[in-house]
Protein backbone atom coordinates (compact mmCIF):
# COMPACT_ATOMS: atom_id res chain seq x y z
CA MET A 1 1.07 9.32 -8.27
CA HIS A 2 -1.15 7.63 -10.86
CA ARG A 3 -0.57 4.64 -13.12
CA ARG A 4 -0.86 6.77 -16.22
CA GLU A 5 2.18 8.74 -15.07
CA PHE A 6 4.23 5.55 -15.44
CA SER A 7 3.44 5.38 -19.21
CA ARG A 8 1.47 2.19 -18.71
CA THR A 9 -1.96 1.64 -20.23
CA ALA A 10 -4.44 2.54 -17.51
CA ALA A 11 -6.78 -0.08 -16.12
CA LEU A 12 -10.50 0.42 -16.31
CA SER A 13 -11.83 2.88 -13.75
CA PRO A 14 -12.20 1.28 -10.29
CA LEU A 15 -15.66 2.82 -10.16
CA ALA A 16 -16.65 0.74 -13.15
CA LEU A 17 -15.29 -2.45 -11.59
CA MET A 18 -16.05 -2.10 -7.88
CA LEU A 19 -19.67 -2.51 -6.97
CA GLY A 20 -21.43 -3.86 -3.89
CA ALA A 21 -20.47 -7.07 -2.13
CA ALA A 22 -23.68 -8.94 -1.46
CA HIS A 23 -23.31 -9.70 2.24
CA LEU A 24 -22.20 -6.21 3.33
CA PRO A 25 -24.39 -3.14 3.92
CA THR A 26 -25.27 -1.41 0.65
CA LEU A 27 -26.34 2.09 1.66
CA ALA A 28 -25.17 4.68 -0.86
CA GLN A 29 -24.48 7.05 2.02
CA THR A 30 -23.59 5.62 5.41
CA ALA A 31 -24.61 6.98 8.77
CA ALA A 32 -21.16 8.54 9.12
CA GLY A 33 -21.76 10.60 5.98
CA TYR A 34 -19.22 8.81 3.76
CA ARG A 35 -20.64 8.02 0.33
CA GLU A 36 -19.99 4.75 -1.44
CA GLY A 37 -18.79 5.47 -4.96
CA THR A 38 -17.56 8.92 -3.91
CA ASP A 39 -15.49 8.58 -0.73
CA PHE A 40 -14.78 4.88 -1.12
CA LEU A 41 -15.36 1.99 -3.47
CA ARG A 42 -16.55 -1.53 -2.74
CA LEU A 43 -14.86 -4.37 -4.58
CA GLN A 44 -17.04 -6.67 -6.64
CA ARG A 45 -14.59 -9.51 -5.97
CA PRO A 46 -12.73 -9.67 -2.64
CA ALA A 47 -8.99 -9.06 -2.72
CA PRO A 48 -6.66 -11.48 -0.90
CA VAL A 49 -6.09 -10.74 2.79
CA ASP A 50 -3.51 -12.13 5.21
CA ALA A 51 -5.11 -11.04 8.47
CA PRO A 52 -6.13 -13.75 10.95
CA ALA A 53 -9.77 -14.40 11.75
CA GLY A 54 -11.37 -11.63 13.77
CA LYS A 55 -8.93 -9.00 12.50
CA VAL A 56 -9.49 -6.30 9.87
CA GLU A 57 -6.62 -5.73 7.46
CA VAL A 58 -5.73 -2.22 6.32
CA VAL A 59 -3.29 -2.00 3.41
CA GLU A 60 -1.28 1.09 2.51
CA PHE A 61 -0.23 1.06 -1.16
CA PHE A 62 2.92 3.10 -1.78
CA TRP A 63 5.92 3.66 -4.05
CA TYR A 64 9.21 4.96 -2.69
CA ASN A 65 9.69 7.45 -5.54
CA CYS A 66 6.23 8.97 -5.06
CA PRO A 67 6.41 12.42 -3.38
CA HIS A 68 2.79 12.12 -2.19
CA CYS A 69 3.66 8.84 -0.44
CA PHE A 70 6.66 10.51 1.18
CA ARG A 71 4.48 13.29 2.56
CA PHE A 72 1.79 10.86 3.70
CA GLU A 73 4.11 8.45 5.51
CA PRO A 74 4.39 10.38 8.83
CA THR A 75 0.60 10.73 8.96
CA PHE A 76 0.12 7.04 8.26
CA ASP A 77 2.75 6.16 10.87
CA GLN A 78 0.86 8.16 13.47
CA TRP A 79 -2.47 6.60 12.49
CA SER A 80 -1.11 3.04 12.48
CA SER A 81 0.56 3.49 15.88
CA LYS A 82 -2.89 4.19 17.34
CA ALA A 83 -4.77 1.51 15.41
CA PRO A 84 -6.91 -0.71 17.68
CA ALA A 85 -5.95 -4.31 18.39
CA HIS A 86 -8.45 -5.68 15.89
CA VAL A 87 -6.70 -3.89 12.99
CA VAL A 88 -3.75 -5.42 11.14
CA VAL A 89 -1.74 -2.84 9.17
CA ARG A 90 0.25 -3.82 6.10
CA ARG A 91 2.39 -1.74 3.77
CA LEU A 92 2.39 -2.85 0.18
CA PRO A 93 4.83 -1.49 -2.43
CA VAL A 94 3.28 -1.20 -5.88
CA ALA A 95 4.92 -1.86 -9.23
CA PHE A 96 2.96 -0.20 -11.99
CA ARG A 97 5.68 -1.19 -14.45
CA ASP A 98 8.64 -3.59 -14.46
CA ASP A 99 11.28 -1.06 -13.43
CA ASN A 100 9.40 -0.47 -10.16
CA VAL A 101 10.05 -4.08 -9.08
CA PRO A 102 13.51 -3.38 -7.56
CA GLN A 103 11.90 -1.10 -4.96
CA GLN A 104 9.24 -3.74 -4.28
CA ARG A 105 12.02 -6.21 -3.56
CA LEU A 106 13.82 -3.62 -1.43
CA TYR A 107 10.86 -3.32 0.93
CA TYR A 108 10.38 -7.07 1.26
CA ALA A 109 14.11 -7.59 1.79
CA LEU A 110 13.93 -5.04 4.63
CA GLU A 111 11.03 -7.02 6.10
CA ALA A 112 12.94 -10.29 5.80
CA MET A 113 15.91 -8.71 7.60
CA GLY A 114 13.72 -7.32 10.36
CA ARG A 115 14.86 -3.83 9.37
CA ALA A 116 11.67 -2.35 7.91
CA ASP A 117 10.90 -0.43 11.10
CA ASP A 118 14.12 1.58 11.03
CA LEU A 119 15.07 1.67 7.33
CA HIS A 120 11.71 2.08 5.58
CA ARG A 121 11.53 5.79 6.44
CA LYS A 122 15.23 6.21 5.65
CA VAL A 123 14.59 5.02 2.09
CA PHE A 124 11.98 7.75 1.64
CA HIS A 125 14.39 10.31 3.13
CA ALA A 126 17.22 9.20 0.86
CA VAL A 127 15.07 9.50 -2.26
CA HIS A 128 13.19 12.74 -1.52
CA VAL A 129 15.52 14.72 0.73
CA GLU A 130 18.98 13.48 -0.20
CA LYS A 131 17.92 13.06 -3.86
CA GLN A 132 19.54 9.65 -4.20
CA ARG A 133 18.59 7.30 -7.00
CA LEU A 134 17.47 3.93 -5.65
CA ASN A 135 15.99 2.45 -8.80
CA THR A 136 18.23 -0.53 -9.54
CA GLN A 137 19.69 -3.46 -7.65
CA ASP A 138 23.17 -1.90 -7.79
CA GLU A 139 21.99 1.48 -6.50
CA ILE A 140 19.93 -0.12 -3.77
CA SER A 141 22.63 -2.54 -2.58
CA ALA A 142 25.25 0.25 -2.51
CA TRP A 143 22.94 2.38 -0.37
CA MET A 144 22.22 -0.53 1.96
CA ALA A 145 25.95 -1.05 2.48
CA LYS A 146 26.21 2.60 3.58
CA GLN A 147 23.58 1.82 6.23
CA GLY A 148 25.92 -0.76 7.73
CA VAL A 149 24.14 -3.76 6.19
CA ASP A 150 26.25 -6.62 4.87
CA LYS A 151 25.91 -6.23 1.10
CA ALA A 152 26.26 -9.92 0.26
CA LYS A 153 23.66 -10.98 2.82
CA PHE A 154 21.31 -8.25 1.64
CA LEU A 155 21.62 -9.33 -2.00
CA GLU A 156 21.01 -12.93 -1.02
CA LEU A 157 17.68 -11.92 0.53
CA TYR A 158 16.87 -9.38 -2.19
CA ASN A 159 17.19 -12.06 -4.87
CA SER A 160 15.63 -14.84 -2.83
CA PHE A 161 12.62 -16.89 -3.88
CA GLY A 162 10.70 -15.62 -0.85
CA VAL A 163 11.17 -11.94 -1.67
CA ALA A 164 10.38 -12.51 -5.34
CA GLY A 165 7.19 -14.32 -4.34
CA LYS A 166 6.10 -11.48 -2.06
CA ALA A 167 6.70 -8.97 -4.85
CA ARG A 168 4.53 -11.00 -7.23
CA ARG A 169 1.78 -11.30 -4.63
CA ALA A 170 1.96 -7.55 -4.00
CA SER A 171 1.26 -6.93 -7.67
CA GLN A 172 -1.65 -9.40 -7.59
CA ILE A 173 -3.17 -7.60 -4.62
CA THR A 174 -2.61 -4.21 -6.26
CA ASP A 175 -4.54 -5.44 -9.30
CA ALA A 176 -7.26 -7.03 -7.15
CA TYR A 177 -7.89 -3.66 -5.47
CA GLN A 178 -7.67 -1.97 -8.90
CA VAL A 179 -5.22 0.56 -7.49
CA ASP A 180 -4.74 3.33 -10.04
CA GLY A 181 -2.52 5.65 -8.01
CA VAL A 182 -0.64 5.98 -4.73
CA PRO A 183 -0.84 6.54 -1.86
CA ALA A 184 -4.04 4.55 -1.48
CA LEU A 185 -5.69 2.39 1.16
CA GLY A 186 -7.48 -0.95 1.09
CA VAL A 187 -9.66 -2.33 3.87
CA ALA A 188 -10.53 -5.98 4.58
CA GLY A 189 -10.13 -7.00 0.96
CA ARG A 190 -13.47 -5.29 0.35
CA PHE A 191 -13.03 -1.53 0.21
CA PHE A 192 -10.71 1.01 -1.43
CA THR A 193 -10.14 4.71 -0.84
CA SER A 194 -7.54 7.34 -1.69
CA GLY A 195 -6.78 11.02 -1.32
CA SER A 196 -8.36 11.84 -4.66
CA MET A 197 -11.59 10.13 -3.60
CA ALA A 198 -11.74 11.37 -0.01
CA LYS A 199 -10.36 14.81 -0.96
CA SER A 200 -7.25 14.37 1.22
CA MET A 201 -5.25 11.51 2.67
CA GLU A 202 -6.10 12.71 6.17
CA ARG A 203 -9.80 12.36 5.40
CA ALA A 204 -9.09 9.04 3.67
CA LEU A 205 -7.90 7.72 7.03
CA GLN A 206 -11.17 8.84 8.57
CA VAL A 207 -12.96 6.89 5.84
CA VAL A 208 -10.76 3.90 6.67
CA ASP A 209 -11.79 4.11 10.34
CA HIS A 210 -15.40 3.97 9.20
CA LEU A 211 -14.76 1.06 6.82
CA VAL A 212 -13.02 -0.88 9.59
CA ASP A 213 -16.12 -0.50 11.72
CA LEU A 214 -18.33 -1.47 8.79
CA SER A 215 -16.23 -4.57 8.17
CA ARG A 216 -16.45 -5.70 11.79
CA LYS A 217 -20.25 -5.46 11.69
CA ALA A 218 -20.52 -7.52 8.52
């Protein structure tokens, strides 16, 4: 799902904005056969990362209403479950326009409750299989109550300063990576790839494996 499908003015092409970082290898085609500028992009300015020293952060950009994200989620789950110890995996909900923010807050409220592991996939299922609308605070809180979650406690977290701050930071990171569609993947605050670039999300994960290795050697 691309930004332009949200009726928002598209950002400049990532290819026009993401060029080599000076202290990283700059081969146009790496030994693994993945081409910079074709299979992945290199950010001119590093994006924020939250991984500790010695770890490589991989960020999955998603939107709950995106059917491509729904189909990709099981594949990403499988990949992340096998990620090596030096990889830190983060999910990051995008908001390409203001009415996407409620779902951003939903994800971070789930994290704050310690319920992301069991309810994140259920949100996707509710939207794409059960065809439920989860676009507003009222719709979301009503659905959460059906999952056995105390509605008042959920709304307290959902509207908290902490969740609002995480949603704002998510949008800053989305812009820093110049994400123009989802699902997409960021690596180490330096690299970006997607299914449209790598020709499939499965191959995009192979590119990510390569970029993780490249980042560790930097």
